[in-house]
Full PDB file with SEQRES, HELIX, SHEET, SSBOND, CRYST1, ORIGX, SCALE, CONECT and MASTER records, all heavy atoms in Angstrom:
SEQRES   1 A   38  LEU ALA ARG TYR VAL PRO ASN LYS GLY VAL THR GLY ASP          
SEQRES   2 A   38  PRO HIS LEU THR LEU PHE VAL ALA ARG LEU ASN LEU GLN          
SEQRES   3 A   38  THR THR GLU GLU LYS LEU LYS GLU VAL PHE SER ARG              
HELIX    1 AA1 PRO A   14  LEU A   16  5                                   3    
HELIX    2 AA2 GLU A   29  PHE A   36  1                                   8    
CRYST1    1.000    1.000    1.000  90.00  90.00  90.00 P 1           1          
ORIGX1      1.000000  0.000000  0.000000        0.00000                         
ORIGX2      0.000000  1.000000  0.000000        0.00000                         
ORIGX3      0.000000  0.000000  1.000000        0.00000                         
SCALE1      1.000000  0.000000  0.000000        0.00000                         
SCALE2      0.000000  1.000000  0.000000        0.00000                         
SCALE3      0.000000  0.000000  1.000000        0.00000                         
ATOM      1  N   LEU A   1      31.727 -33.766  -5.090  1.00  0.00           N  
ATOM      2  CA  LEU A   1      32.214 -33.752  -6.466  1.00  0.00           C  
ATOM      3  C   LEU A   1      32.338 -32.337  -7.030  1.00  0.00           C  
ATOM      4  O   LEU A   1      32.927 -32.148  -8.099  1.00  0.00           O  
ATOM      5  CB  LEU A   1      31.271 -34.574  -7.352  1.00  0.00           C  
ATOM      6  CG  LEU A   1      31.176 -36.076  -7.001  1.00  0.00           C  
ATOM      7  CD1 LEU A   1      30.109 -36.746  -7.862  1.00  0.00           C  
ATOM      8  CD2 LEU A   1      32.522 -36.756  -7.171  1.00  0.00           C  
ATOM      9  N   ALA A   2      31.785 -31.355  -6.317  1.00  0.00           N  
ATOM     10  CA  ALA A   2      31.791 -29.969  -6.819  1.00  0.00           C  
ATOM     11  C   ALA A   2      33.167 -29.344  -6.678  1.00  0.00           C  
ATOM     12  O   ALA A   2      33.927 -29.655  -5.755  1.00  0.00           O  
ATOM     13  CB  ALA A   2      30.758 -29.145  -6.063  1.00  0.00           C  
ATOM     14  N   ARG A   3      33.479 -28.479  -7.591  1.00  0.00           N  
ATOM     15  CA  ARG A   3      34.714 -27.683  -7.548  1.00  0.00           C  
ATOM     16  C   ARG A   3      34.301 -26.216  -7.567  1.00  0.00           C  
ATOM     17  O   ARG A   3      34.112 -25.623  -8.622  1.00  0.00           O  
ATOM     18  CB  ARG A   3      35.620 -28.022  -8.738  1.00  0.00           C  
ATOM     19  CG  ARG A   3      36.139 -29.444  -8.720  1.00  0.00           C  
ATOM     20  CD  ARG A   3      37.119 -29.664  -7.584  1.00  0.00           C  
ATOM     21  NE  ARG A   3      37.622 -31.031  -7.555  1.00  0.00           N  
ATOM     22  CZ  ARG A   3      37.081 -32.007  -6.847  1.00  0.00           C  
ATOM     23  NH1 ARG A   3      35.989 -31.767  -6.121  1.00  0.00           N  
ATOM     24  NH2 ARG A   3      37.602 -33.211  -6.852  1.00  0.00           N  
ATOM     25  N   TYR A   4      34.169 -25.666  -6.364  1.00  0.00           N  
ATOM     26  CA  TYR A   4      33.626 -24.318  -6.265  1.00  0.00           C  
ATOM     27  C   TYR A   4      34.758 -23.305  -6.070  1.00  0.00           C  
ATOM     28  O   TYR A   4      35.647 -23.495  -5.233  1.00  0.00           O  
ATOM     29  CB  TYR A   4      32.648 -24.227  -5.093  1.00  0.00           C  
ATOM     30  CG  TYR A   4      32.071 -22.847  -4.894  1.00  0.00           C  
ATOM     31  CD1 TYR A   4      31.128 -22.336  -5.772  1.00  0.00           C  
ATOM     32  CD2 TYR A   4      32.493 -22.055  -3.827  1.00  0.00           C  
ATOM     33  CE1 TYR A   4      30.613 -21.074  -5.602  1.00  0.00           C  
ATOM     34  CE2 TYR A   4      31.976 -20.787  -3.642  1.00  0.00           C  
ATOM     35  CZ  TYR A   4      31.040 -20.303  -4.536  1.00  0.00           C  
ATOM     36  OH  TYR A   4      30.522 -19.037  -4.367  1.00  0.00           O  
ATOM     37  N   VAL A   5      34.696 -22.246  -6.863  1.00  0.00           N  
ATOM     38  CA  VAL A   5      35.652 -21.145  -6.745  1.00  0.00           C  
ATOM     39  C   VAL A   5      34.887 -19.907  -6.306  1.00  0.00           C  
ATOM     40  O   VAL A   5      33.896 -19.529  -6.955  1.00  0.00           O  
ATOM     41  CB  VAL A   5      36.367 -20.865  -8.093  1.00  0.00           C  
ATOM     42  CG1 VAL A   5      37.333 -19.698  -7.953  1.00  0.00           C  
ATOM     43  CG2 VAL A   5      37.101 -22.118  -8.580  1.00  0.00           C  
ATOM     44  N   PRO A   6      35.279 -19.268  -5.208  1.00  0.00           N  
ATOM     45  CA  PRO A   6      34.562 -18.070  -4.733  1.00  0.00           C  
ATOM     46  C   PRO A   6      34.492 -16.994  -5.811  1.00  0.00           C  
ATOM     47  O   PRO A   6      35.366 -16.890  -6.680  1.00  0.00           O  
ATOM     48  CB  PRO A   6      35.415 -17.609  -3.538  1.00  0.00           C  
ATOM     49  CG  PRO A   6      36.106 -18.840  -3.078  1.00  0.00           C  
ATOM     50  CD  PRO A   6      36.378 -19.652  -4.307  1.00  0.00           C  
ATOM     51  N   ASN A   7      33.430 -16.224  -5.751  1.00  0.00           N  
ATOM     52  CA  ASN A   7      33.207 -15.164  -6.729  1.00  0.00           C  
ATOM     53  C   ASN A   7      34.325 -14.119  -6.643  1.00  0.00           C  
ATOM     54  O   ASN A   7      34.486 -13.436  -5.633  1.00  0.00           O  
ATOM     55  CB  ASN A   7      31.852 -14.508  -6.451  1.00  0.00           C  
ATOM     56  CG  ASN A   7      31.462 -13.539  -7.553  1.00  0.00           C  
ATOM     57  OD1 ASN A   7      32.243 -13.244  -8.461  1.00  0.00           O  
ATOM     58  ND2 ASN A   7      30.245 -13.030  -7.466  1.00  0.00           N  
ATOM     59  N   LYS A   8      35.100 -14.040  -7.718  1.00  0.00           N  
ATOM     60  CA  LYS A   8      36.222 -13.097  -7.726  1.00  0.00           C  
ATOM     61  C   LYS A   8      35.757 -11.652  -7.902  1.00  0.00           C  
ATOM     62  O   LYS A   8      36.529 -10.717  -7.666  1.00  0.00           O  
ATOM     63  CB  LYS A   8      37.198 -13.456  -8.843  1.00  0.00           C  
ATOM     64  CG  LYS A   8      37.868 -14.810  -8.632  1.00  0.00           C  
ATOM     65  CD  LYS A   8      38.859 -15.116  -9.749  1.00  0.00           C  
ATOM     66  CE  LYS A   8      39.528 -16.470  -9.517  1.00  0.00           C  
ATOM     67  NZ  LYS A   8      40.504 -16.783 -10.597  1.00  0.00           N  
ATOM     68  N   GLY A   9      34.496 -11.497  -8.306  1.00  0.00           N  
ATOM     69  CA  GLY A   9      33.996 -10.141  -8.486  1.00  0.00           C  
ATOM     70  C   GLY A   9      33.602  -9.472  -7.182  1.00  0.00           C  
ATOM     71  O   GLY A   9      33.336  -8.257  -7.159  1.00  0.00           O  
ATOM     72  N   VAL A  10      33.567 -10.223  -6.089  1.00  0.00           N  
ATOM     73  CA  VAL A  10      33.200  -9.661  -4.784  1.00  0.00           C  
ATOM     74  C   VAL A  10      34.406  -8.929  -4.207  1.00  0.00           C  
ATOM     75  O   VAL A  10      35.510  -9.480  -4.135  1.00  0.00           O  
ATOM     76  CB  VAL A  10      32.729 -10.768  -3.827  1.00  0.00           C  
ATOM     77  CG1 VAL A  10      32.425 -10.182  -2.460  1.00  0.00           C  
ATOM     78  CG2 VAL A  10      31.508 -11.474  -4.396  1.00  0.00           C  
ATOM     79  N   THR A  11      34.192  -7.717  -3.792  1.00  0.00           N  
ATOM     80  CA  THR A  11      35.273  -6.914  -3.219  1.00  0.00           C  
ATOM     81  C   THR A  11      35.017  -6.687  -1.738  1.00  0.00           C  
ATOM     82  O   THR A  11      33.942  -6.983  -1.218  1.00  0.00           O  
ATOM     83  CB  THR A  11      35.363  -5.561  -3.932  1.00  0.00           C  
ATOM     84  OG1 THR A  11      34.104  -4.877  -3.800  1.00  0.00           O  
ATOM     85  CG2 THR A  11      35.678  -5.749  -5.412  1.00  0.00           C  
ATOM     86  N   GLY A  12      36.030  -6.144  -1.085  1.00  0.00           N  
ATOM     87  CA  GLY A  12      35.903  -5.857   0.341  1.00  0.00           C  
ATOM     88  C   GLY A  12      36.685  -6.869   1.182  1.00  0.00           C  
ATOM     89  O   GLY A  12      37.183  -7.883   0.687  1.00  0.00           O  
ATOM     90  N   ASP A  13      36.800  -6.564   2.462  1.00  0.00           N  
ATOM     91  CA  ASP A  13      37.542  -7.407   3.394  1.00  0.00           C  
ATOM     92  C   ASP A  13      36.622  -8.514   3.920  1.00  0.00           C  
ATOM     93  O   ASP A  13      35.661  -8.238   4.631  1.00  0.00           O  
ATOM     94  CB  ASP A  13      38.060  -6.550   4.558  1.00  0.00           C  
ATOM     95  CG  ASP A  13      39.014  -7.313   5.455  1.00  0.00           C  
ATOM     96  OD1 ASP A  13      39.087  -8.556   5.333  1.00  0.00           O  
ATOM     97  OD2 ASP A  13      39.668  -6.682   6.305  1.00  0.00           O  
ATOM     98  N   PRO A  14      36.906  -9.789   3.622  1.00  0.00           N  
ATOM     99  CA  PRO A  14      36.025 -10.867   4.093  1.00  0.00           C  
ATOM    100  C   PRO A  14      36.035 -11.034   5.610  1.00  0.00           C  
ATOM    101  O   PRO A  14      35.079 -11.557   6.185  1.00  0.00           O  
ATOM    102  CB  PRO A  14      36.583 -12.113   3.388  1.00  0.00           C  
ATOM    103  CG  PRO A  14      38.005 -11.771   3.088  1.00  0.00           C  
ATOM    104  CD  PRO A  14      38.032 -10.304   2.826  1.00  0.00           C  
ATOM    105  N   HIS A  15      37.116 -10.607   6.251  1.00  0.00           N  
ATOM    106  CA  HIS A  15      37.232 -10.751   7.709  1.00  0.00           C  
ATOM    107  C   HIS A  15      36.459  -9.668   8.465  1.00  0.00           C  
ATOM    108  O   HIS A  15      36.382  -9.716   9.695  1.00  0.00           O  
ATOM    109  CB  HIS A  15      38.701 -10.728   8.118  1.00  0.00           C  
ATOM    110  CG  HIS A  15      39.488 -11.863   7.526  1.00  0.00           C  
ATOM    111  ND1 HIS A  15      39.396 -13.160   7.970  1.00  0.00           N  
ATOM    112  CD2 HIS A  15      40.383 -11.878   6.500  1.00  0.00           C  
ATOM    113  CE1 HIS A  15      40.200 -13.939   7.263  1.00  0.00           C  
ATOM    114  NE2 HIS A  15      40.806 -13.182   6.354  1.00  0.00           N  
ATOM    115  N   LEU A  16      35.904  -8.709   7.723  1.00  0.00           N  
ATOM    116  CA  LEU A  16      35.056  -7.678   8.330  1.00  0.00           C  
ATOM    117  C   LEU A  16      33.628  -7.745   7.788  1.00  0.00           C  
ATOM    118  O   LEU A  16      32.850  -6.815   7.993  1.00  0.00           O  
ATOM    119  CB  LEU A  16      35.637  -6.279   8.066  1.00  0.00           C  
ATOM    120  CG  LEU A  16      36.974  -5.953   8.745  1.00  0.00           C  
ATOM    121  CD1 LEU A  16      37.464  -4.567   8.319  1.00  0.00           C  
ATOM    122  CD2 LEU A  16      36.842  -6.017  10.255  1.00  0.00           C  
ATOM    123  N   THR A  17      33.315  -8.846   7.116  1.00  0.00           N  
ATOM    124  CA  THR A  17      32.019  -8.967   6.462  1.00  0.00           C  
ATOM    125  C   THR A  17      31.111  -9.941   7.215  1.00  0.00           C  
ATOM    126  O   THR A  17      31.548 -11.022   7.627  1.00  0.00           O  
ATOM    127  CB  THR A  17      32.186  -9.448   5.014  1.00  0.00           C  
ATOM    128  OG1 THR A  17      33.040  -8.515   4.323  1.00  0.00           O  
ATOM    129  CG2 THR A  17      30.852  -9.524   4.298  1.00  0.00           C  
ATOM    130  N   LEU A  18      29.862  -9.528   7.348  1.00  0.00           N  
ATOM    131  CA  LEU A  18      28.847 -10.311   8.047  1.00  0.00           C  
ATOM    132  C   LEU A  18      27.875 -10.895   7.026  1.00  0.00           C  
ATOM    133  O   LEU A  18      27.482 -10.219   6.078  1.00  0.00           O  
ATOM    134  CB  LEU A  18      28.096  -9.404   9.025  1.00  0.00           C  
ATOM    135  CG  LEU A  18      27.442 -10.049  10.252  1.00  0.00           C  
ATOM    136  CD1 LEU A  18      28.498 -10.638  11.175  1.00  0.00           C  
ATOM    137  CD2 LEU A  18      26.619  -9.005  10.993  1.00  0.00           C  
ATOM    138  N   PHE A  19      27.502 -12.161   7.231  1.00  0.00           N  
ATOM    139  CA  PHE A  19      26.528 -12.816   6.377  1.00  0.00           C  
ATOM    140  C   PHE A  19      25.172 -12.788   7.087  1.00  0.00           C  
ATOM    141  O   PHE A  19      25.043 -13.212   8.237  1.00  0.00           O  
ATOM    142  CB  PHE A  19      26.947 -14.263   6.110  1.00  0.00           C  
ATOM    143  CG  PHE A  19      25.904 -15.107   5.430  1.00  0.00           C  
ATOM    144  CD1 PHE A  19      25.522 -14.854   4.130  1.00  0.00           C  
ATOM    145  CD2 PHE A  19      25.292 -16.152   6.104  1.00  0.00           C  
ATOM    146  CE1 PHE A  19      24.561 -15.630   3.496  1.00  0.00           C  
ATOM    147  CE2 PHE A  19      24.334 -16.943   5.491  1.00  0.00           C  
ATOM    148  CZ  PHE A  19      23.969 -16.681   4.179  1.00  0.00           C  
ATOM    149  N   VAL A  20      24.137 -12.278   6.409  1.00  0.00           N  
ATOM    150  CA  VAL A  20      22.793 -12.160   6.985  1.00  0.00           C  
ATOM    151  C   VAL A  20      21.830 -12.935   6.090  1.00  0.00           C  
ATOM    152  O   VAL A  20      21.727 -12.662   4.894  1.00  0.00           O  
ATOM    153  CB  VAL A  20      22.361 -10.680   7.086  1.00  0.00           C  
ATOM    154  CG1 VAL A  20      21.002 -10.570   7.753  1.00  0.00           C  
ATOM    155  CG2 VAL A  20      23.402  -9.871   7.842  1.00  0.00           C  
ATOM    156  N   ALA A  21      21.119 -13.912   6.685  1.00  0.00           N  
ATOM    157  CA  ALA A  21      20.230 -14.783   5.909  1.00  0.00           C  
ATOM    158  C   ALA A  21      18.837 -14.813   6.518  1.00  0.00           C  
ATOM    159  O   ALA A  21      18.583 -14.248   7.584  1.00  0.00           O  
ATOM    160  CB  ALA A  21      20.818 -16.187   5.839  1.00  0.00           C  
ATOM    161  N   ARG A  22      17.930 -15.492   5.815  1.00  0.00           N  
ATOM    162  CA  ARG A  22      16.521 -15.641   6.203  1.00  0.00           C  
ATOM    163  C   ARG A  22      15.797 -14.294   6.257  1.00  0.00           C  
ATOM    164  O   ARG A  22      14.943 -14.053   7.113  1.00  0.00           O  
ATOM    165  CB  ARG A  22      16.408 -16.358   7.553  1.00  0.00           C  
ATOM    166  CG  ARG A  22      17.046 -17.735   7.554  1.00  0.00           C  
ATOM    167  CD  ARG A  22      17.050 -18.354   8.927  1.00  0.00           C  
ATOM    168  NE  ARG A  22      17.858 -19.566   8.923  1.00  0.00           N  
ATOM    169  CZ  ARG A  22      18.237 -20.202  10.025  1.00  0.00           C  
ATOM    170  NH1 ARG A  22      17.865 -19.738  11.211  1.00  0.00           N  
ATOM    171  NH2 ARG A  22      18.968 -21.290   9.943  1.00  0.00           N  
ATOM    172  N   LEU A  23      16.164 -13.454   5.327  1.00  0.00           N  
ATOM    173  CA  LEU A  23      15.527 -12.141   5.256  1.00  0.00           C  
ATOM    174  C   LEU A  23      14.169 -12.229   4.576  1.00  0.00           C  
ATOM    175  O   LEU A  23      13.919 -13.107   3.741  1.00  0.00           O  
ATOM    176  CB  LEU A  23      16.409 -11.164   4.469  1.00  0.00           C  
ATOM    177  CG  LEU A  23      17.759 -10.783   5.093  1.00  0.00           C  
ATOM    178  CD1 LEU A  23      18.585 -10.002   4.075  1.00  0.00           C  
ATOM    179  CD2 LEU A  23      17.548  -9.954   6.354  1.00  0.00           C  
ATOM    180  N   ASN A  24      13.316 -11.311   4.950  1.00  0.00           N  
ATOM    181  CA  ASN A  24      12.063 -11.141   4.231  1.00  0.00           C  
ATOM    182  C   ASN A  24      12.408 -10.664   2.818  1.00  0.00           C  
ATOM    183  O   ASN A  24      13.261  -9.798   2.626  1.00  0.00           O  
ATOM    184  CB  ASN A  24      11.196 -10.106   4.949  1.00  0.00           C  
ATOM    185  CG  ASN A  24       9.796 -10.029   4.391  1.00  0.00           C  
ATOM    186  OD1 ASN A  24       9.576 -10.126   3.192  1.00  0.00           O  
ATOM    187  ND2 ASN A  24       8.833  -9.827   5.270  1.00  0.00           N  
ATOM    188  N   LEU A  25      11.739 -11.237   1.823  1.00  0.00           N  
ATOM    189  CA  LEU A  25      12.043 -10.871   0.436  1.00  0.00           C  
ATOM    190  C   LEU A  25      11.717  -9.414   0.139  1.00  0.00           C  
ATOM    191  O   LEU A  25      12.150  -8.877  -0.897  1.00  0.00           O  
ATOM    192  CB  LEU A  25      11.283 -11.793  -0.531  1.00  0.00           C  
ATOM    193  CG  LEU A  25      11.617 -13.289  -0.418  1.00  0.00           C  
ATOM    194  CD1 LEU A  25      10.834 -14.075  -1.464  1.00  0.00           C  
ATOM    195  CD2 LEU A  25      13.113 -13.525  -0.583  1.00  0.00           C  
ATOM    196  N   GLN A  26      10.957  -8.777   1.026  1.00  0.00           N  
ATOM    197  CA  GLN A  26      10.615  -7.367   0.839  1.00  0.00           C  
ATOM    198  C   GLN A  26      11.614  -6.430   1.538  1.00  0.00           C  
ATOM    199  O   GLN A  26      11.522  -5.206   1.387  1.00  0.00           O  
ATOM    200  CB  GLN A  26       9.208  -7.089   1.379  1.00  0.00           C  
ATOM    201  CG  GLN A  26       8.127  -7.986   0.784  1.00  0.00           C  
ATOM    202  CD  GLN A  26       8.048  -7.862  -0.726  1.00  0.00           C  
ATOM    203  OE1 GLN A  26       8.167  -6.771  -1.287  1.00  0.00           O  
ATOM    204  NE2 GLN A  26       7.842  -8.994  -1.399  1.00  0.00           N  
ATOM    205  N   THR A  27      12.554  -6.993   2.312  1.00  0.00           N  
ATOM    206  CA  THR A  27      13.525  -6.159   3.034  1.00  0.00           C  
ATOM    207  C   THR A  27      14.501  -5.525   2.046  1.00  0.00           C  
ATOM    208  O   THR A  27      15.044  -6.196   1.163  1.00  0.00           O  
ATOM    209  CB  THR A  27      14.286  -7.015   4.068  1.00  0.00           C  
ATOM    210  OG1 THR A  27      13.348  -7.580   4.987  1.00  0.00           O  
ATOM    211  CG2 THR A  27      15.281  -6.174   4.834  1.00  0.00           C  
ATOM    212  N   THR A  28      14.767  -4.251   2.231  1.00  0.00           N  
ATOM    213  CA  THR A  28      15.629  -3.497   1.310  1.00  0.00           C  
ATOM    214  C   THR A  28      16.979  -3.194   1.958  1.00  0.00           C  
ATOM    215  O   THR A  28      17.181  -3.398   3.158  1.00  0.00           O  
ATOM    216  CB  THR A  28      14.960  -2.180   0.910  1.00  0.00           C  
ATOM    217  OG1 THR A  28      14.772  -1.375   2.098  1.00  0.00           O  
ATOM    218  CG2 THR A  28      13.618  -2.446   0.249  1.00  0.00           C  
ATOM    219  N   GLU A  29      17.911  -2.660   1.128  1.00  0.00           N  
ATOM    220  CA  GLU A  29      19.215  -2.240   1.640  1.00  0.00           C  
ATOM    221  C   GLU A  29      19.066  -1.131   2.682  1.00  0.00           C  
ATOM    222  O   GLU A  29      19.817  -1.086   3.664  1.00  0.00           O  
ATOM    223  CB  GLU A  29      20.111  -1.757   0.497  1.00  0.00           C  
ATOM    224  CG  GLU A  29      20.615  -2.847  -0.425  1.00  0.00           C  
ATOM    225  CD  GLU A  29      19.671  -3.130  -1.583  1.00  0.00           C  
ATOM    226  OE1 GLU A  29      18.472  -2.746  -1.487  1.00  0.00           O  
ATOM    227  OE2 GLU A  29      20.117  -3.741  -2.576  1.00  0.00           O  
ATOM    228  N   GLU A  30      18.110  -0.235   2.472  1.00  0.00           N  
ATOM    229  CA  GLU A  30      17.907   0.858   3.423  1.00  0.00           C  
ATOM    230  C   GLU A  30      17.490   0.330   4.794  1.00  0.00           C  
ATOM    231  O   GLU A  30      17.936   0.839   5.822  1.00  0.00           O  
ATOM    232  CB  GLU A  30      16.845   1.826   2.891  1.00  0.00           C  
ATOM    233  CG  GLU A  30      17.267   2.655   1.685  1.00  0.00           C  
ATOM    234  CD  GLU A  30      17.316   1.846   0.399  1.00  0.00           C  
ATOM    235  OE1 GLU A  30      16.714   0.736   0.370  1.00  0.00           O  
ATOM    236  OE2 GLU A  30      17.965   2.308  -0.561  1.00  0.00           O  
ATOM    237  N   LYS A  31      16.632  -0.682   4.804  1.00  0.00           N  
ATOM    238  CA  LYS A  31      16.205  -1.262   6.073  1.00  0.00           C  
ATOM    239  C   LYS A  31      17.371  -1.948   6.775  1.00  0.00           C  
ATOM    240  O   LYS A  31      17.544  -1.816   8.004  1.00  0.00           O  
ATOM    241  CB  LYS A  31      15.084  -2.269   5.814  1.00  0.00           C  
ATOM    242  CG  LYS A  31      14.505  -2.904   7.058  1.00  0.00           C  
ATOM    243  CD  LYS A  31      13.808  -1.877   7.938  1.00  0.00           C  
ATOM    244  CE  LYS A  31      13.156  -2.503   9.136  1.00  0.00           C  
ATOM    245  NZ  LYS A  31      12.418  -1.522   9.976  1.00  0.00           N  
ATOM    246  N   LEU A  32      18.203  -2.657   6.034  1.00  0.00           N  
ATOM    247  CA  LEU A  32      19.358  -3.323   6.622  1.00  0.00           C  
ATOM    248  C   LEU A  32      20.350  -2.301   7.197  1.00  0.00           C  
ATOM    249  O   LEU A  32      20.901  -2.498   8.278  1.00  0.00           O  
ATOM    250  CB  LEU A  32      20.062  -4.194   5.573  1.00  0.00           C  
ATOM    251  CG  LEU A  32      19.300  -5.443   5.118  1.00  0.00           C  
ATOM    252  CD1 LEU A  32      20.051  -6.130   3.979  1.00  0.00           C  
ATOM    253  CD2 LEU A  32      19.097  -6.405   6.279  1.00  0.00           C  
ATOM    254  N   LYS A  33      20.530  -1.206   6.460  1.00  0.00           N  
ATOM    255  CA  LYS A  33      21.448  -0.180   6.959  1.00  0.00           C  
ATOM    256  C   LYS A  33      20.918   0.445   8.237  1.00  0.00           C  
ATOM    257  O   LYS A  33      21.670   0.743   9.163  1.00  0.00           O  
ATOM    258  CB  LYS A  33      21.635   0.892   5.881  1.00  0.00           C  
ATOM    259  CG  LYS A  33      22.660   1.940   6.247  1.00  0.00           C  
ATOM    260  CD  LYS A  33      22.901   2.897   5.084  1.00  0.00           C  
ATOM    261  CE  LYS A  33      23.956   3.929   5.449  1.00  0.00           C  
ATOM    262  NZ  LYS A  33      24.207   4.876   4.323  1.00  0.00           N  
ATOM    263  N   GLU A  34      19.610   0.641   8.300  1.00  0.00           N  
ATOM    264  CA  GLU A  34      18.993   1.227   9.491  1.00  0.00           C  
ATOM    265  C   GLU A  34      19.197   0.337  10.730  1.00  0.00           C  
ATOM    266  O   GLU A  34      19.488   0.835  11.812  1.00  0.00           O  
ATOM    267  CB  GLU A  34      17.502   1.438   9.239  1.00  0.00           C  
ATOM    268  CG  GLU A  34      16.736   1.965  10.445  1.00  0.00           C  
ATOM    269  CD  GLU A  34      15.245   2.014  10.197  1.00  0.00           C  
ATOM    270  OE1 GLU A  34      14.818   1.893   9.032  1.00  0.00           O  
ATOM    271  OE2 GLU A  34      14.481   2.149  11.187  1.00  0.00           O  
ATOM    272  N   VAL A  35      19.073  -0.954  10.536  1.00  0.00           N  
ATOM    273  CA  VAL A  35      19.180  -1.894  11.666  1.00  0.00           C  
ATOM    274  C   VAL A  35      20.627  -2.122  12.059  1.00  0.00           C  
ATOM    275  O   VAL A  35      20.996  -2.037  13.230  1.00  0.00           O  
ATOM    276  CB  VAL A  35      18.491  -3.232  11.312  1.00  0.00           C  
ATOM    277  CG1 VAL A  35      18.736  -4.265  12.416  1.00  0.00           C  
ATOM    278  CG2 VAL A  35      17.002  -3.019  11.099  1.00  0.00           C  
ATOM    279  N   PHE A  36      21.496  -2.404  11.091  1.00  0.00           N  
ATOM    280  CA  PHE A  36      22.861  -2.825  11.405  1.00  0.00           C  
ATOM    281  C   PHE A  36      23.823  -1.673  11.663  1.00  0.00           C  
ATOM    282  O   PHE A  36      24.931  -1.903  12.158  1.00  0.00           O  
ATOM    283  CB  PHE A  36      23.394  -3.727  10.284  1.00  0.00           C  
ATOM    284  CG  PHE A  36      22.839  -5.126  10.343  1.00  0.00           C  
ATOM    285  CD1 PHE A  36      21.677  -5.451   9.658  1.00  0.00           C  
ATOM    286  CD2 PHE A  36      23.460  -6.104  11.098  1.00  0.00           C  
ATOM    287  CE1 PHE A  36      21.155  -6.726   9.709  1.00  0.00           C  
ATOM    288  CE2 PHE A  36      22.935  -7.391  11.160  1.00  0.00           C  
ATOM    289  CZ  PHE A  36      21.787  -7.707  10.475  1.00  0.00           C  
ATOM    290  N   SER A  37      23.425  -0.471  11.364  1.00  0.00           N  
ATOM    291  CA  SER A  37      24.285   0.674  11.684  1.00  0.00           C  
ATOM    292  C   SER A  37      24.297   0.964  13.189  1.00  0.00           C  
ATOM    293  O   SER A  37      25.119   1.754  13.655  1.00  0.00           O  
ATOM    294  CB  SER A  37      23.822   1.918  10.918  1.00  0.00           C  
ATOM    295  OG  SER A  37      22.476   2.239  11.258  1.00  0.00           O  
ATOM    296  N   ARG A  38      23.415   0.313  13.957  1.00  0.00           N  
ATOM    297  CA  ARG A  38      23.426   0.473  15.411  1.00  0.00           C  
ATOM    298  C   ARG A  38      24.711  -0.078  16.029  1.00  0.00           C  
ATOM    299  O   ARG A  38      25.123   0.354  17.101  1.00  0.00           O  
ATOM    300  CB  ARG A  38      22.239  -0.269  16.035  1.00  0.00           C  
ATOM    301  CG  ARG A  38      20.875   0.106  15.486  1.00  0.00           C  
ATOM    302  CD  ARG A  38      19.823  -0.851  16.016  1.00  0.00           C  
ATOM    303  NE  ARG A  38      18.522  -0.645  15.394  1.00  0.00           N  
ATOM    304  CZ  ARG A  38      17.491  -1.479  15.552  1.00  0.00           C  
ATOM    305  NH1 ARG A  38      17.609  -2.552  16.324  1.00  0.00           N  
ATOM    306  NH2 ARG A  38      16.340  -1.224  14.941  1.00  0.00           N  
TER     307      ARG A  38                                                      
MASTER        0    0    0    2    0    0    0    6  306    1    0    3          
END                                                                             
């Protein structure tokens, strides 16, 4: 019954974007950059 519209405020190329879930709530952007920049 839901009518969901994707967030129009999100920018960037969706076909080059990775979704990362189940993160520790203490994990920061710096830690993610350190790991995924490999």
